[in-house]
Amino acid sequence: MVKRIILGLALFFLVFSLASCQTVQGIGSDITWIGEAGAEILEQ
């Protein structure tokens, strides 16, 4: 259940970050941020 919530949140942020970024560098930094946030959640 928790993994589904995390996956849903990650997809939500990914969709909105892709919609808001207009450069490849911006998309890369957003994906990195989402990965780091997911890792922090899983460590708790």
N, C-alpha and C. Protein backbone atom coordinates (compact mmCIF):
# COMPACT_ATOMS: atom_id res chain seq x y z
N MET A 1 0.83 -1.19 0.00
CA MET A 1 0.00 0.00 0.00
C MET A 1 0.87 1.26 0.00
N VAL A 2 1.91 1.25 0.83
CA VAL A 2 2.80 2.41 0.92
C VAL A 2 3.54 2.60 -0.40
N LYS A 3 3.96 1.51 -1.01
CA LYS A 3 4.68 1.61 -2.28
C LYS A 3 3.78 2.20 -3.37
N ARG A 4 2.49 1.86 -3.35
CA ARG A 4 1.57 2.42 -4.34
C ARG A 4 1.40 3.93 -4.14
N ILE A 5 1.37 4.36 -2.89
CA ILE A 5 1.24 5.78 -2.60
C ILE A 5 2.49 6.52 -3.06
N ILE A 6 3.66 5.97 -2.77
CA ILE A 6 4.92 6.59 -3.18
C ILE A 6 5.01 6.65 -4.70
N LEU A 7 4.64 5.56 -5.35
CA LEU A 7 4.66 5.54 -6.81
C LEU A 7 3.70 6.57 -7.38
N GLY A 8 2.53 6.67 -6.80
CA GLY A 8 1.56 7.67 -7.26
C GLY A 8 2.07 9.08 -7.11
N LEU A 9 2.67 9.37 -5.97
CA LEU A 9 3.22 10.71 -5.75
C LEU A 9 4.36 11.00 -6.71
N ALA A 10 5.22 10.01 -6.93
CA ALA A 10 6.35 10.20 -7.85
C ALA A 10 5.84 10.48 -9.26
N LEU A 11 4.84 9.73 -9.70
CA LEU A 11 4.28 9.96 -11.03
C LEU A 11 3.61 11.34 -11.12
N PHE A 12 2.92 11.72 -10.06
CA PHE A 12 2.28 13.03 -10.01
C PHE A 12 3.31 14.14 -10.18
N PHE A 13 4.39 14.07 -9.39
CA PHE A 13 5.43 15.10 -9.48
C PHE A 13 6.16 15.05 -10.81
N LEU A 14 6.34 13.85 -11.35
CA LEU A 14 7.01 13.72 -12.63
C LEU A 14 6.21 14.39 -13.74
N VAL A 15 4.92 14.15 -13.76
CA VAL A 15 4.06 14.74 -14.79
C VAL A 15 4.09 16.27 -14.70
N PHE A 16 3.96 16.80 -13.49
CA PHE A 16 3.94 18.25 -13.36
C PHE A 16 5.32 18.87 -13.59
N SER A 17 6.39 18.15 -13.23
CA SER A 17 7.72 18.70 -13.49
C SER A 17 8.01 18.71 -14.99
N LEU A 18 7.55 17.69 -15.71
CA LEU A 18 7.76 17.68 -17.16
C LEU A 18 6.94 18.77 -17.83
N ALA A 19 5.78 19.04 -17.30
CA ALA A 19 4.93 20.08 -17.87
C ALA A 19 5.51 21.47 -17.61
N SER A 20 6.21 21.63 -16.48
CA SER A 20 6.70 22.95 -16.13
C SER A 20 8.10 23.24 -16.66
N CYS A 21 8.85 22.21 -17.00
CA CYS A 21 10.23 22.40 -17.48
C CYS A 21 10.23 22.55 -18.99
N GLN A 22 11.07 23.45 -19.45
CA GLN A 22 11.16 23.65 -20.89
C GLN A 22 12.56 23.35 -21.41
N THR A 23 13.44 22.87 -20.55
CA THR A 23 14.78 22.53 -21.00
C THR A 23 15.14 21.13 -20.53
N VAL A 24 16.05 20.50 -21.22
CA VAL A 24 16.50 19.17 -20.84
C VAL A 24 17.18 19.21 -19.48
N GLN A 25 17.95 20.23 -19.21
CA GLN A 25 18.62 20.37 -17.92
C GLN A 25 17.59 20.49 -16.80
N GLY A 26 16.54 21.24 -17.02
CA GLY A 26 15.50 21.39 -16.00
C GLY A 26 14.80 20.08 -15.71
N ILE A 27 14.53 19.31 -16.75
CA ILE A 27 13.89 18.00 -16.56
C ILE A 27 14.82 17.08 -15.77
N GLY A 28 16.09 17.10 -16.10
CA GLY A 28 17.07 16.26 -15.39
C GLY A 28 17.15 16.61 -13.91
N SER A 29 17.13 17.88 -13.59
CA SER A 29 17.21 18.27 -12.19
C SER A 29 15.93 17.90 -11.44
N ASP A 30 14.79 17.99 -12.12
CA ASP A 30 13.53 17.60 -11.48
C ASP A 30 13.49 16.10 -11.23
N ILE A 31 13.95 15.31 -12.18
CA ILE A 31 13.97 13.86 -11.99
C ILE A 31 14.91 13.49 -10.87
N THR A 32 16.05 14.16 -10.78
CA THR A 32 16.99 13.92 -9.69
C THR A 32 16.34 14.25 -8.35
N TRP A 33 15.63 15.37 -8.28
CA TRP A 33 14.98 15.76 -7.04
C TRP A 33 13.92 14.74 -6.62
N ILE A 34 13.15 14.24 -7.58
CA ILE A 34 12.12 13.25 -7.28
C ILE A 34 12.77 11.96 -6.77
N GLY A 35 13.87 11.55 -7.38
CA GLY A 35 14.57 10.35 -6.92
C GLY A 35 15.11 10.50 -5.52
N GLU A 36 15.68 11.65 -5.22
CA GLU A 36 16.21 11.89 -3.87
C GLU A 36 15.08 11.93 -2.84
N ALA A 37 13.97 12.55 -3.19
CA ALA A 37 12.84 12.61 -2.26
C ALA A 37 12.28 11.21 -2.01
N GLY A 38 12.19 10.41 -3.04
CA GLY A 38 11.72 9.03 -2.89
C GLY A 38 12.66 8.21 -2.02
N ALA A 39 13.96 8.40 -2.20
CA ALA A 39 14.94 7.67 -1.40
C ALA A 39 14.83 8.06 0.08
N GLU A 40 14.62 9.33 0.34
CA GLU A 40 14.47 9.78 1.73
C GLU A 40 13.23 9.18 2.38
N ILE A 41 12.15 9.09 1.62
CA ILE A 41 10.92 8.51 2.15
C ILE A 41 11.13 7.03 2.47
N LEU A 42 11.81 6.32 1.58
CA LEU A 42 12.03 4.89 1.80
C LEU A 42 12.97 4.62 2.97
N GLU A 43 13.87 5.55 3.26
CA GLU A 43 14.80 5.38 4.37
C GLU A 43 14.12 5.50 5.72
N GLN A 44 13.00 6.19 5.78
CA GLN A 44 12.31 6.42 7.05
C GLN A 44 11.66 5.21 7.53
